[in-house]
């Protein structure tokens, strides 16, 4: 299975930190957020990785190179002149991801979720994606989707928060035109047909969407 790390966001809420450093290269516990993902993916047996980038993307390529130092092979999907949002970025990268289901993880999260679980995840016929859901954090109290008997439902309660981790079938994006495109409407349409499964993860998960959350995680991982 191949993987894609989403790393094209501008990180507006992280400014001024992201004025000169792309968000995935911000450090926690002594290394960049994206390096945690590379190492975890390698340990899970996922070695072919696509990384999209836009804002200051040349820094990501310069620091990570071809991925050899982390035990992986990295292919880059630059987005110019601006980021294409989540679905748009995935659609552009499809030629690099191939015809089989692939793993996707947001570049601005940290988690101890065992990614080997997703590497082994089989999407049966008719299932277009499998998403990992977590408890709603304080900054996102209303959550995203409801989970019922392993199936995700867009319009139901109670809701959990989408972790930014999942396995996707290329079929989910079939016949969608390239360009700037959000992921949520695509997922909701597939959920309405019962084609998105999910699981609830109770372990550690952090959305690094503000400087104070970056500091909190850095202190936790550094043992401060």
N, C-alpha and C. Protein backbone atom coordinates (compact mmCIF):
# COMPACT_ATOMS: atom_id res chain seq x y z
N UNK A 1 0.84 -1.20 0.00
CA UNK A 1 0.00 0.00 0.00
C UNK A 1 0.88 1.25 0.00
N UNK A 2 0.48 2.23 -0.81
CA UNK A 2 1.15 3.53 -0.81
C UNK A 2 0.44 4.46 0.18
N UNK A 3 1.13 5.54 0.53
CA UNK A 3 0.55 6.52 1.46
C UNK A 3 0.75 7.92 0.91
N UNK A 4 -0.13 8.80 1.33
CA UNK A 4 0.01 10.22 0.99
C UNK A 4 -0.04 11.02 2.27
N UNK A 5 0.92 11.91 2.45
CA UNK A 5 0.92 12.85 3.57
C UNK A 5 0.50 14.21 3.03
N UNK A 6 -0.56 14.76 3.58
CA UNK A 6 -1.08 16.05 3.14
C UNK A 6 -0.29 17.17 3.81
N UNK A 7 0.46 17.92 3.02
CA UNK A 7 1.38 18.90 3.60
C UNK A 7 1.33 20.24 2.87
N UNK A 8 0.21 20.55 2.22
CA UNK A 8 0.15 21.74 1.38
C UNK A 8 -0.48 22.96 2.05
N UNK A 9 -1.00 22.80 3.26
CA UNK A 9 -1.71 23.90 3.91
C UNK A 9 -0.81 25.07 4.26
N UNK A 10 -1.38 26.26 4.26
CA UNK A 10 -0.64 27.50 4.59
C UNK A 10 -0.39 27.62 6.08
N UNK A 11 -1.28 27.06 6.92
CA UNK A 11 -1.10 27.17 8.37
C UNK A 11 -1.33 28.57 8.89
N UNK A 12 -2.41 29.21 8.44
CA UNK A 12 -2.68 30.60 8.85
C UNK A 12 -2.78 30.75 10.36
N UNK A 13 -3.42 29.80 11.03
CA UNK A 13 -3.59 29.92 12.48
C UNK A 13 -2.29 29.70 13.25
N UNK A 14 -1.28 29.22 12.57
CA UNK A 14 0.01 28.99 13.21
C UNK A 14 0.98 30.16 13.02
N UNK A 15 0.55 31.20 12.33
CA UNK A 15 1.43 32.34 12.13
C UNK A 15 1.73 33.00 13.48
N UNK A 16 2.93 33.56 13.67
CA UNK A 16 3.98 33.80 12.66
C UNK A 16 4.93 32.62 12.43
N UNK A 17 4.72 31.49 13.13
CA UNK A 17 5.63 30.36 12.98
C UNK A 17 5.71 29.89 11.53
N UNK A 18 4.56 29.90 10.85
CA UNK A 18 4.52 29.38 9.49
C UNK A 18 4.81 30.43 8.43
N UNK A 19 5.19 31.63 8.84
CA UNK A 19 5.59 32.64 7.86
C UNK A 19 6.89 32.24 7.17
N UNK A 20 7.74 31.52 7.90
CA UNK A 20 9.05 31.15 7.35
C UNK A 20 9.29 29.64 7.33
N UNK A 21 8.39 28.87 7.94
CA UNK A 21 8.54 27.42 8.00
C UNK A 21 7.22 26.76 7.66
N UNK A 22 7.20 25.82 6.71
CA UNK A 22 5.94 25.12 6.43
C UNK A 22 5.49 24.33 7.65
N UNK A 23 4.20 24.30 7.87
CA UNK A 23 3.64 23.69 9.08
C UNK A 23 4.16 22.28 9.36
N UNK A 24 4.26 21.39 8.37
CA UNK A 24 4.72 20.03 8.66
C UNK A 24 6.17 19.95 9.14
N UNK A 25 6.94 21.03 8.94
CA UNK A 25 8.33 21.02 9.41
C UNK A 25 8.49 21.62 10.80
N UNK A 26 7.40 22.09 11.41
CA UNK A 26 7.48 22.56 12.79
C UNK A 26 7.81 21.37 13.69
N UNK A 27 8.67 21.60 14.67
CA UNK A 27 9.18 20.48 15.47
C UNK A 27 8.41 20.27 16.76
N UNK A 28 8.24 19.00 17.10
CA UNK A 28 7.73 18.58 18.41
C UNK A 28 8.59 17.39 18.85
N UNK A 29 8.96 17.37 20.09
CA UNK A 29 9.75 16.26 20.59
C UNK A 29 11.07 16.09 19.88
N UNK A 30 11.63 17.18 19.35
CA UNK A 30 12.95 17.13 18.74
C UNK A 30 12.99 16.83 17.26
N UNK A 31 11.83 16.68 16.60
CA UNK A 31 11.85 16.44 15.16
C UNK A 31 10.58 16.98 14.52
N UNK A 32 10.62 17.26 13.21
CA UNK A 32 9.45 17.82 12.53
C UNK A 32 8.25 16.87 12.59
N UNK A 33 7.07 17.46 12.60
CA UNK A 33 5.84 16.68 12.60
C UNK A 33 5.83 15.63 11.49
N UNK A 34 6.24 16.03 10.30
CA UNK A 34 6.16 15.12 9.17
C UNK A 34 7.14 13.95 9.29
N UNK A 35 8.24 14.17 10.01
CA UNK A 35 9.20 13.08 10.21
C UNK A 35 8.62 12.00 11.11
N UNK A 36 7.81 12.40 12.10
CA UNK A 36 7.11 11.40 12.91
C UNK A 36 6.28 10.49 12.00
N UNK A 37 5.61 11.08 11.02
CA UNK A 37 4.78 10.28 10.10
C UNK A 37 5.65 9.35 9.25
N UNK A 38 6.74 9.87 8.71
CA UNK A 38 7.60 9.05 7.87
C UNK A 38 8.13 7.84 8.64
N UNK A 39 8.56 8.07 9.85
CA UNK A 39 9.10 6.98 10.66
C UNK A 39 8.02 5.96 11.02
N UNK A 40 6.83 6.47 11.36
CA UNK A 40 5.74 5.56 11.73
C UNK A 40 5.27 4.75 10.52
N UNK A 41 5.20 5.39 9.36
CA UNK A 41 4.81 4.67 8.15
C UNK A 41 5.83 3.59 7.80
N UNK A 42 7.11 3.92 7.92
CA UNK A 42 8.15 2.93 7.63
C UNK A 42 8.03 1.74 8.57
N UNK A 43 7.79 2.01 9.86
CA UNK A 43 7.64 0.94 10.84
C UNK A 43 6.41 0.08 10.53
N UNK A 44 5.40 0.70 9.93
CA UNK A 44 4.16 -0.03 9.59
C UNK A 44 4.29 -0.80 8.28
N UNK A 45 5.42 -0.66 7.61
CA UNK A 45 5.62 -1.38 6.36
C UNK A 45 5.16 -0.64 5.13
N UNK A 46 4.92 0.68 5.27
CA UNK A 46 4.53 1.51 4.13
C UNK A 46 5.75 2.31 3.70
N UNK A 47 6.27 2.05 2.52
CA UNK A 47 7.54 2.65 2.12
C UNK A 47 7.45 3.56 0.90
N UNK A 48 6.33 3.53 0.17
CA UNK A 48 6.14 4.43 -0.96
C UNK A 48 5.19 5.54 -0.54
N UNK A 49 5.72 6.76 -0.50
CA UNK A 49 4.96 7.87 0.08
C UNK A 49 4.93 9.06 -0.88
N UNK A 50 3.76 9.63 -1.04
CA UNK A 50 3.57 10.85 -1.82
C UNK A 50 3.32 12.00 -0.84
N UNK A 51 4.00 13.10 -1.05
CA UNK A 51 3.80 14.29 -0.23
C UNK A 51 3.42 15.45 -1.15
N UNK A 52 2.25 16.05 -0.91
CA UNK A 52 1.92 17.26 -1.66
C UNK A 52 2.40 18.47 -0.87
N UNK A 53 2.65 19.53 -1.57
CA UNK A 53 3.09 20.75 -0.88
C UNK A 53 2.77 21.97 -1.73
N UNK A 54 2.70 23.12 -1.07
CA UNK A 54 2.46 24.39 -1.76
C UNK A 54 3.30 25.47 -1.09
N UNK A 55 2.80 25.99 0.04
CA UNK A 55 3.50 27.06 0.75
C UNK A 55 4.87 26.58 1.24
N UNK A 56 5.94 27.25 0.77
CA UNK A 56 7.32 26.93 1.18
C UNK A 56 7.65 25.45 0.95
N UNK A 57 7.04 24.87 -0.07
CA UNK A 57 7.24 23.46 -0.32
C UNK A 57 8.66 23.07 -0.63
N UNK A 58 9.43 24.01 -1.17
CA UNK A 58 10.83 23.70 -1.47
C UNK A 58 11.61 23.35 -0.21
N UNK A 59 11.18 23.90 0.94
CA UNK A 59 11.84 23.54 2.20
C UNK A 59 11.57 22.08 2.56
N UNK A 60 10.37 21.62 2.29
CA UNK A 60 10.02 20.22 2.58
C UNK A 60 10.89 19.29 1.74
N UNK A 61 10.99 19.59 0.45
CA UNK A 61 11.81 18.75 -0.42
C UNK A 61 13.27 18.79 -0.02
N UNK A 62 13.77 19.98 0.34
CA UNK A 62 15.18 20.11 0.71
C UNK A 62 15.49 19.32 1.98
N UNK A 63 14.57 19.33 2.94
CA UNK A 63 14.85 18.65 4.21
C UNK A 63 14.65 17.15 4.13
N UNK A 64 13.64 16.69 3.41
CA UNK A 64 13.31 15.26 3.39
C UNK A 64 13.99 14.51 2.25
N UNK A 65 14.31 15.22 1.17
CA UNK A 65 14.96 14.57 0.05
C UNK A 65 14.13 13.45 -0.53
N UNK A 66 14.80 12.36 -0.90
CA UNK A 66 14.08 11.24 -1.50
C UNK A 66 13.53 10.26 -0.47
N UNK A 67 13.72 10.57 0.82
CA UNK A 67 13.19 9.75 1.90
C UNK A 67 14.09 8.64 2.36
N UNK A 68 15.22 8.45 1.70
CA UNK A 68 16.10 7.33 2.01
C UNK A 68 16.55 7.35 3.47
N UNK A 69 16.74 8.54 4.01
CA UNK A 69 17.21 8.65 5.40
C UNK A 69 16.18 8.13 6.40
N UNK A 70 14.93 8.01 5.96
CA UNK A 70 13.85 7.58 6.85
C UNK A 70 13.33 6.19 6.48
N UNK A 71 14.01 5.54 5.55
CA UNK A 71 13.59 4.20 5.16
C UNK A 71 12.40 4.15 4.24
N UNK A 72 12.15 5.25 3.51
CA UNK A 72 11.00 5.30 2.60
C UNK A 72 11.44 5.89 1.27
N UNK A 73 10.53 5.86 0.30
CA UNK A 73 10.73 6.50 -1.00
C UNK A 73 9.67 7.59 -1.15
N UNK A 74 10.11 8.82 -1.29
CA UNK A 74 9.18 9.95 -1.36
C UNK A 74 9.05 10.45 -2.78
N UNK A 75 7.79 10.67 -3.19
CA UNK A 75 7.47 11.34 -4.44
C UNK A 75 6.69 12.61 -4.07
N UNK A 76 7.01 13.70 -4.73
CA UNK A 76 6.39 14.98 -4.39
C UNK A 76 5.34 15.37 -5.43
N UNK A 77 4.29 16.03 -4.94
CA UNK A 77 3.22 16.53 -5.79
C UNK A 77 3.03 18.02 -5.51
N UNK A 78 3.83 18.87 -6.16
CA UNK A 78 3.74 20.31 -5.91
C UNK A 78 2.42 20.88 -6.41
N UNK A 79 1.89 21.82 -5.66
CA UNK A 79 0.64 22.48 -6.03
C UNK A 79 0.92 23.97 -6.21
N UNK A 80 0.84 24.42 -7.43
CA UNK A 80 1.11 25.81 -7.76
C UNK A 80 -0.02 26.34 -8.64
N UNK A 81 -0.40 27.62 -8.49
CA UNK A 81 0.20 28.63 -7.62
C UNK A 81 -0.32 28.60 -6.19
N UNK A 82 -1.30 27.74 -5.91
CA UNK A 82 -1.84 27.68 -4.55
C UNK A 82 -2.27 26.26 -4.24
N UNK A 83 -2.46 26.00 -2.93
CA UNK A 83 -2.90 24.68 -2.49
C UNK A 83 -4.27 24.34 -3.07
N UNK A 84 -4.48 23.06 -3.35
CA UNK A 84 -5.69 22.61 -4.01
C UNK A 84 -6.75 22.08 -3.05
N UNK A 85 -6.58 22.26 -1.75
CA UNK A 85 -7.41 21.66 -0.71
C UNK A 85 -7.24 20.14 -0.74
N UNK A 86 -7.88 19.46 0.21
CA UNK A 86 -7.58 18.05 0.41
C UNK A 86 -7.92 17.18 -0.80
N UNK A 87 -9.16 17.24 -1.27
CA UNK A 87 -9.55 16.39 -2.39
C UNK A 87 -8.81 16.77 -3.66
N UNK A 88 -8.65 18.07 -3.89
CA UNK A 88 -7.92 18.51 -5.08
C UNK A 88 -6.49 18.03 -5.08
N UNK A 89 -5.87 18.03 -3.90
CA UNK A 89 -4.50 17.54 -3.80
C UNK A 89 -4.40 16.05 -4.06
N UNK A 90 -5.38 15.30 -3.54
CA UNK A 90 -5.39 13.85 -3.77
C UNK A 90 -5.62 13.55 -5.25
N UNK A 91 -6.57 14.26 -5.87
CA UNK A 91 -6.85 14.03 -7.29
C UNK A 91 -5.61 14.27 -8.14
N UNK A 92 -4.89 15.36 -7.87
CA UNK A 92 -3.67 15.64 -8.63
C UNK A 92 -2.64 14.53 -8.44
N UNK A 93 -2.58 13.95 -7.24
CA UNK A 93 -1.56 12.94 -6.93
C UNK A 93 -1.95 11.53 -7.35
N UNK A 94 -3.16 11.31 -7.85
CA UNK A 94 -3.61 9.96 -8.19
C UNK A 94 -2.65 9.20 -9.12
N UNK A 95 -2.05 9.85 -10.13
CA UNK A 95 -1.11 9.10 -10.97
C UNK A 95 0.08 8.55 -10.18
N UNK A 96 0.44 9.19 -9.09
CA UNK A 96 1.55 8.71 -8.25
C UNK A 96 1.08 7.64 -7.27
N UNK A 97 -0.21 7.61 -6.97
CA UNK A 97 -0.74 6.70 -5.96
C UNK A 97 -1.17 5.35 -6.53
N UNK A 98 -1.44 5.29 -7.82
CA UNK A 98 -1.76 4.02 -8.44
C UNK A 98 -3.24 3.65 -8.38
N UNK A 99 -3.53 2.40 -8.71
CA UNK A 99 -4.90 1.93 -8.86
C UNK A 99 -5.47 1.27 -7.61
N UNK A 100 -4.64 1.01 -6.63
CA UNK A 100 -5.09 0.32 -5.42
C UNK A 100 -5.44 1.32 -4.32
N UNK A 101 -6.21 0.89 -3.30
CA UNK A 101 -6.47 1.77 -2.15
C UNK A 101 -5.17 2.26 -1.52
N UNK A 102 -5.20 3.49 -1.01
CA UNK A 102 -4.00 4.10 -0.45
C UNK A 102 -4.34 4.76 0.88
N UNK A 103 -3.34 4.89 1.71
CA UNK A 103 -3.48 5.50 3.04
C UNK A 103 -3.22 7.00 2.92
N UNK A 104 -4.00 7.80 3.62
CA UNK A 104 -3.79 9.25 3.66
C UNK A 104 -3.75 9.70 5.11
N UNK A 105 -2.79 10.60 5.40
CA UNK A 105 -2.69 11.14 6.76
C UNK A 105 -2.36 12.63 6.67
N UNK A 106 -3.04 13.43 7.48
CA UNK A 106 -2.76 14.86 7.53
C UNK A 106 -1.36 15.11 8.09
N UNK A 107 -0.66 16.06 7.49
CA UNK A 107 0.69 16.36 7.94
C UNK A 107 0.75 17.16 9.22
N UNK A 108 -0.39 17.68 9.68
CA UNK A 108 -0.37 18.55 10.87
C UNK A 108 -1.05 17.91 12.07
N UNK A 109 -0.99 16.58 12.16
CA UNK A 109 -1.47 15.90 13.36
C UNK A 109 -0.33 15.08 13.96
N UNK A 110 -0.53 14.68 15.21
CA UNK A 110 0.38 13.72 15.85
C UNK A 110 -0.49 12.68 16.54
N UNK A 111 -0.12 11.42 16.42
CA UNK A 111 -0.93 10.36 17.01
C UNK A 111 -0.07 9.14 17.29
N UNK A 112 -0.55 8.32 18.20
CA UNK A 112 0.10 7.02 18.42
C UNK A 112 -0.72 5.89 17.80
N UNK A 113 -1.65 6.25 16.92
CA UNK A 113 -2.44 5.24 16.24
C UNK A 113 -1.52 4.29 15.46
N UNK A 114 -1.73 2.97 15.54
CA UNK A 114 -0.88 2.02 14.81
C UNK A 114 -1.24 2.00 13.32
N UNK A 115 -0.45 2.68 12.50
CA UNK A 115 -0.77 2.79 11.09
C UNK A 115 -0.74 1.45 10.37
N UNK A 116 -0.12 0.45 10.96
CA UNK A 116 -0.15 -0.89 10.37
C UNK A 116 -1.59 -1.38 10.25
N UNK A 117 -2.49 -0.92 11.12
CA UNK A 117 -3.90 -1.30 11.02
C UNK A 117 -4.51 -0.84 9.70
N UNK A 118 -4.13 0.38 9.27
CA UNK A 118 -4.66 0.89 8.02
C UNK A 118 -3.98 0.22 6.82
N UNK A 119 -2.70 -0.09 6.97
CA UNK A 119 -2.01 -0.77 5.87
C UNK A 119 -2.67 -2.10 5.55
N UNK A 120 -3.21 -2.75 6.59
CA UNK A 120 -3.84 -4.06 6.41
C UNK A 120 -5.33 -3.95 6.09
N UNK A 121 -5.84 -2.72 6.08
CA UNK A 121 -7.28 -2.54 5.88
C UNK A 121 -7.69 -2.88 4.45
N UNK A 122 -8.62 -3.80 4.32
CA UNK A 122 -9.14 -4.20 3.01
C UNK A 122 -10.46 -3.50 2.77
N UNK A 123 -10.59 -2.83 1.63
CA UNK A 123 -11.85 -2.19 1.26
C UNK A 123 -12.64 -3.16 0.39
N UNK A 124 -13.73 -3.70 0.91
CA UNK A 124 -14.54 -4.63 0.09
C UNK A 124 -15.20 -3.88 -1.06
N UNK A 125 -15.70 -4.61 -2.07
CA UNK A 125 -16.39 -3.96 -3.19
C UNK A 125 -17.52 -3.05 -2.70
N UNK A 126 -17.55 -1.85 -3.24
CA UNK A 126 -18.59 -0.90 -2.85
C UNK A 126 -18.19 0.02 -1.72
N UNK A 127 -17.12 -0.30 -1.00
CA UNK A 127 -16.66 0.58 0.07
C UNK A 127 -15.59 1.49 -0.49
N UNK A 128 -15.80 2.80 -0.36
CA UNK A 128 -14.92 3.76 -1.01
C UNK A 128 -13.87 4.35 -0.09
N UNK A 129 -14.06 4.24 1.21
CA UNK A 129 -13.06 4.77 2.15
C UNK A 129 -13.32 4.21 3.54
N UNK A 130 -12.27 4.21 4.35
CA UNK A 130 -12.36 3.83 5.75
C UNK A 130 -11.63 4.90 6.55
N UNK A 131 -12.34 5.55 7.48
CA UNK A 131 -11.78 6.68 8.21
C UNK A 131 -11.62 6.37 9.70
N UNK A 132 -10.58 6.92 10.29
CA UNK A 132 -10.35 6.79 11.72
C UNK A 132 -10.97 8.00 12.42
N UNK A 133 -11.83 7.74 13.40
CA UNK A 133 -12.51 8.80 14.14
C UNK A 133 -11.98 8.85 15.56
N UNK A 134 -11.99 10.05 16.14
CA UNK A 134 -11.50 10.23 17.51
C UNK A 134 -12.49 11.09 18.30
N UNK A 135 -12.27 11.19 19.60
CA UNK A 135 -13.10 12.05 20.44
C UNK A 135 -12.98 13.50 19.99
N UNK A 136 -14.04 14.25 20.19
CA UNK A 136 -14.04 15.66 19.78
C UNK A 136 -13.12 16.48 20.69
N UNK A 137 -12.14 17.15 20.13
CA UNK A 137 -11.26 17.99 20.95
C UNK A 137 -11.95 19.29 21.33
N UNK A 138 -11.42 20.02 22.31
CA UNK A 138 -12.06 21.27 22.74
C UNK A 138 -12.30 22.27 21.61
N UNK A 139 -11.37 22.30 20.64
CA UNK A 139 -11.51 23.27 19.56
C UNK A 139 -12.49 22.84 18.49
N UNK A 140 -13.02 21.61 18.60
CA UNK A 140 -13.97 21.11 17.59
C UNK A 140 -15.04 20.27 18.30
N UNK A 141 -15.82 20.89 19.19
CA UNK A 141 -16.71 20.14 20.08
C UNK A 141 -17.88 19.45 19.39
N UNK A 142 -18.26 19.90 18.20
CA UNK A 142 -19.44 19.33 17.54
C UNK A 142 -19.11 18.12 16.66
N UNK A 143 -17.83 17.85 16.45
CA UNK A 143 -17.43 16.70 15.67
C UNK A 143 -17.77 16.81 14.20
N UNK A 144 -17.63 15.68 13.48
CA UNK A 144 -17.82 15.68 12.03
C UNK A 144 -18.90 14.69 11.57
N UNK A 145 -18.75 13.42 11.95
CA UNK A 145 -19.65 12.38 11.47
C UNK A 145 -19.99 11.42 12.61
N UNK A 146 -21.13 10.77 12.47
CA UNK A 146 -21.53 9.74 13.44
C UNK A 146 -21.07 8.38 12.95
N UNK A 147 -20.79 7.50 13.90
CA UNK A 147 -20.34 6.14 13.59
C UNK A 147 -21.35 5.16 14.17
N UNK A 148 -21.91 4.32 13.29
CA UNK A 148 -22.90 3.35 13.71
C UNK A 148 -22.61 2.00 13.08
N UNK A 149 -22.28 1.02 13.92
CA UNK A 149 -21.99 -0.34 13.44
C UNK A 149 -20.94 -0.34 12.33
N UNK A 150 -19.91 0.49 12.52
CA UNK A 150 -18.81 0.51 11.57
C UNK A 150 -19.05 1.31 10.31
N UNK A 151 -20.20 1.98 10.22
CA UNK A 151 -20.53 2.79 9.04
C UNK A 151 -20.63 4.25 9.47
N UNK A 152 -20.07 5.16 8.67
CA UNK A 152 -20.13 6.58 8.98
C UNK A 152 -21.36 7.23 8.37
N UNK A 153 -21.98 8.10 9.17
CA UNK A 153 -23.21 8.79 8.77
C UNK A 153 -23.00 10.28 8.93
N UNK A 154 -23.28 11.03 7.89
CA UNK A 154 -23.01 12.47 7.92
C UNK A 154 -23.98 13.22 8.82
N UNK A 155 -25.27 12.88 8.74
CA UNK A 155 -26.29 13.64 9.45
C UNK A 155 -26.89 12.81 10.56
N UNK A 156 -26.15 12.65 11.65
CA UNK A 156 -26.63 11.89 12.80
C UNK A 156 -25.85 12.33 14.03
N UNK A 157 -26.33 11.92 15.19
CA UNK A 157 -25.69 12.23 16.47
C UNK A 157 -25.53 10.95 17.26
N UNK A 158 -24.58 10.88 18.20
CA UNK A 158 -23.52 11.87 18.45
C UNK A 158 -22.42 11.75 17.41
N UNK A 159 -21.69 12.83 17.25
CA UNK A 159 -20.65 12.87 16.24
C UNK A 159 -19.26 12.74 16.86
N UNK A 160 -18.38 12.13 16.11
CA UNK A 160 -16.96 12.07 16.44
C UNK A 160 -16.20 12.96 15.46
N UNK A 161 -14.93 13.16 15.73
CA UNK A 161 -14.09 14.00 14.87
C UNK A 161 -13.25 13.12 13.94
N UNK A 162 -13.20 13.50 12.68
CA UNK A 162 -12.35 12.80 11.72
C UNK A 162 -10.90 13.12 12.06
N UNK A 163 -10.11 12.07 12.21
CA UNK A 163 -8.72 12.22 12.67
C UNK A 163 -7.77 12.74 11.62
N UNK A 164 -8.18 12.69 10.34
CA UNK A 164 -7.25 13.01 9.27
C UNK A 164 -6.47 11.80 8.80
N UNK A 165 -6.88 10.61 9.22
CA UNK A 165 -6.26 9.35 8.79
C UNK A 165 -7.32 8.46 8.15
N UNK A 166 -6.96 7.83 7.06
CA UNK A 166 -7.92 6.94 6.42
C UNK A 166 -7.32 6.19 5.25
N UNK A 167 -8.08 5.25 4.74
CA UNK A 167 -7.73 4.53 3.52
C UNK A 167 -8.79 4.86 2.48
N UNK A 168 -8.35 5.20 1.26
CA UNK A 168 -9.26 5.63 0.20
C UNK A 168 -9.10 4.77 -1.04
N UNK A 169 -10.21 4.49 -1.68
CA UNK A 169 -10.18 3.86 -2.99
C UNK A 169 -10.08 4.96 -4.04
N UNK A 170 -9.26 4.76 -5.07
CA UNK A 170 -9.23 5.76 -6.15
C UNK A 170 -10.61 6.00 -6.76
N UNK A 171 -11.48 5.01 -6.63
CA UNK A 171 -12.83 5.12 -7.19
C UNK A 171 -13.61 6.28 -6.57
N UNK A 172 -13.27 6.65 -5.33
CA UNK A 172 -13.97 7.76 -4.67
C UNK A 172 -13.79 9.06 -5.46
N UNK A 173 -12.66 9.17 -6.16
CA UNK A 173 -12.34 10.41 -6.87
C UNK A 173 -12.48 10.27 -8.38
N UNK A 174 -13.00 9.13 -8.82
CA UNK A 174 -13.14 8.87 -10.25
C UNK A 174 -14.03 9.92 -10.91
N UNK A 175 -13.62 10.38 -12.06
CA UNK A 175 -14.39 11.32 -12.89
C UNK A 175 -14.54 12.70 -12.27
N UNK A 176 -13.80 12.97 -11.19
CA UNK A 176 -13.82 14.32 -10.63
C UNK A 176 -12.75 15.16 -11.31
N UNK A 177 -13.13 16.35 -11.73
CA UNK A 177 -12.19 17.21 -12.45
C UNK A 177 -11.09 17.70 -11.53
N UNK A 178 -9.89 17.87 -12.03
CA UNK A 178 -8.82 18.43 -11.21
C UNK A 178 -9.10 19.88 -10.87
N UNK A 179 -8.41 20.35 -9.86
CA UNK A 179 -8.57 21.72 -9.41
C UNK A 179 -8.82 21.78 -7.91
N UNK A 180 -9.08 22.95 -7.42
CA UNK A 180 -9.29 23.16 -5.99
C UNK A 180 -10.61 22.52 -5.57
N UNK A 181 -10.53 21.59 -4.60
CA UNK A 181 -11.74 20.85 -4.24
C UNK A 181 -11.63 20.33 -2.80
N UNK A 182 -12.67 20.57 -2.00
CA UNK A 182 -12.69 20.10 -0.62
C UNK A 182 -13.09 18.63 -0.56
N UNK A 183 -12.68 17.96 0.51
CA UNK A 183 -12.96 16.54 0.67
C UNK A 183 -14.33 16.27 1.30
N UNK A 184 -14.76 17.10 2.23
CA UNK A 184 -15.97 16.81 3.00
C UNK A 184 -17.20 16.57 2.12
N UNK A 185 -17.48 17.39 1.10
CA UNK A 185 -18.68 17.12 0.28
C UNK A 185 -18.61 15.77 -0.43
N UNK A 186 -17.43 15.34 -0.82
CA UNK A 186 -17.27 14.05 -1.49
C UNK A 186 -17.56 12.92 -0.51
N UNK A 187 -17.05 13.06 0.70
CA UNK A 187 -17.30 12.04 1.73
C UNK A 187 -18.78 11.98 2.08
N UNK A 188 -19.40 13.13 2.23
CA UNK A 188 -20.82 13.16 2.62
C UNK A 188 -21.69 12.48 1.56
N UNK A 189 -21.36 12.72 0.29
CA UNK A 189 -22.14 12.10 -0.78
C UNK A 189 -21.99 10.58 -0.74
N UNK A 190 -20.78 10.11 -0.47
CA UNK A 190 -20.56 8.66 -0.39
C UNK A 190 -21.20 8.07 0.86
N UNK A 191 -21.21 8.83 1.96
CA UNK A 191 -21.86 8.37 3.18
C UNK A 191 -23.35 8.20 2.98
N UNK A 192 -23.94 9.07 2.19
CA UNK A 192 -25.38 8.98 1.94
C UNK A 192 -25.73 7.66 1.26
N UNK A 193 -24.74 7.03 0.62
CA UNK A 193 -24.96 5.74 -0.04
C UNK A 193 -24.39 4.58 0.79
N UNK A 194 -23.95 4.89 2.03
CA UNK A 194 -23.44 3.85 2.92
C UNK A 194 -22.11 3.27 2.48
N UNK A 195 -21.28 4.07 1.81
CA UNK A 195 -20.05 3.55 1.22
C UNK A 195 -18.78 3.95 1.96
N UNK A 196 -18.93 4.53 3.17
CA UNK A 196 -17.76 4.93 3.96
C UNK A 196 -17.82 4.23 5.31
N UNK A 197 -16.82 3.45 5.63
CA UNK A 197 -16.75 2.79 6.94
C UNK A 197 -15.85 3.59 7.87
N UNK A 198 -15.87 3.23 9.15
CA UNK A 198 -15.05 3.96 10.10
C UNK A 198 -14.75 3.14 11.33
N UNK A 199 -13.81 3.63 12.11
CA UNK A 199 -13.46 3.03 13.39
C UNK A 199 -13.20 4.14 14.39
N UNK A 200 -13.38 3.82 15.66
CA UNK A 200 -13.20 4.79 16.74
C UNK A 200 -11.90 4.48 17.47
N UNK A 201 -10.99 5.46 17.47
CA UNK A 201 -9.70 5.29 18.14
C UNK A 201 -9.68 6.11 19.42
N UNK A 202 -9.33 5.46 20.53
CA UNK A 202 -9.36 6.11 21.83
C UNK A 202 -7.98 6.55 22.33
N UNK A 203 -6.95 6.34 21.54
CA UNK A 203 -5.58 6.67 21.96
C UNK A 203 -5.25 8.15 21.80
N UNK A 204 -3.97 8.44 21.76
CA UNK A 204 -3.50 9.82 21.68
C UNK A 204 -3.63 10.36 20.26
N UNK A 205 -4.14 11.57 20.16
CA UNK A 205 -4.30 12.24 18.88
C UNK A 205 -4.32 13.74 19.13
N UNK A 206 -3.51 14.47 18.39
CA UNK A 206 -3.44 15.92 18.53
C UNK A 206 -3.52 16.58 17.17
N UNK A 207 -4.38 17.57 17.06
CA UNK A 207 -4.49 18.40 15.88
C UNK A 207 -3.69 19.67 16.16
N UNK A 208 -2.59 19.83 15.43
CA UNK A 208 -1.69 20.95 15.72
C UNK A 208 -2.15 22.17 14.93
N UNK A 209 -3.23 22.78 15.37
CA UNK A 209 -3.81 23.89 14.64
C UNK A 209 -3.57 25.25 15.24
N UNK A 210 -2.82 25.32 16.33
CA UNK A 210 -2.55 26.61 16.98
C UNK A 210 -1.22 26.50 17.71
N UNK A 211 -0.50 27.62 17.87
CA UNK A 211 0.82 27.58 18.52
C UNK A 211 0.79 26.97 19.92
N UNK A 212 -0.27 27.23 20.67
CA UNK A 212 -0.31 26.69 22.03
C UNK A 212 -0.44 25.17 22.03
N UNK A 213 -1.12 24.61 21.02
CA UNK A 213 -1.22 23.15 20.94
C UNK A 213 0.11 22.53 20.51
N UNK A 214 0.86 23.26 19.70
CA UNK A 214 2.20 22.81 19.34
C UNK A 214 3.09 22.77 20.57
N UNK A 215 3.02 23.82 21.38
CA UNK A 215 3.84 23.86 22.61
C UNK A 215 3.44 22.76 23.58
N UNK A 216 2.15 22.54 23.72
CA UNK A 216 1.67 21.50 24.63
C UNK A 216 2.18 20.12 24.22
N UNK A 217 2.11 19.82 22.93
CA UNK A 217 2.57 18.52 22.45
C UNK A 217 4.08 18.41 22.58
N UNK A 218 4.79 19.49 22.27
CA UNK A 218 6.26 19.46 22.38
C UNK A 218 6.68 19.17 23.82
N UNK A 219 6.01 19.80 24.77
CA UNK A 219 6.33 19.56 26.18
C UNK A 219 6.02 18.12 26.57
N UNK A 220 4.92 17.61 26.07
CA UNK A 220 4.54 16.23 26.39
C UNK A 220 5.55 15.23 25.85
N UNK A 221 5.94 15.42 24.58
CA UNK A 221 6.87 14.48 23.95
C UNK A 221 8.29 14.64 24.46
N UNK A 222 8.61 15.85 24.94
CA UNK A 222 9.97 16.08 25.47
C UNK A 222 10.08 15.71 26.93
N UNK A 223 8.96 15.35 27.55
CA UNK A 223 8.97 14.97 28.95
C UNK A 223 9.14 16.13 29.90
N UNK A 224 8.76 17.33 29.44
CA UNK A 224 8.91 18.53 30.28
C UNK A 224 7.78 18.63 31.30
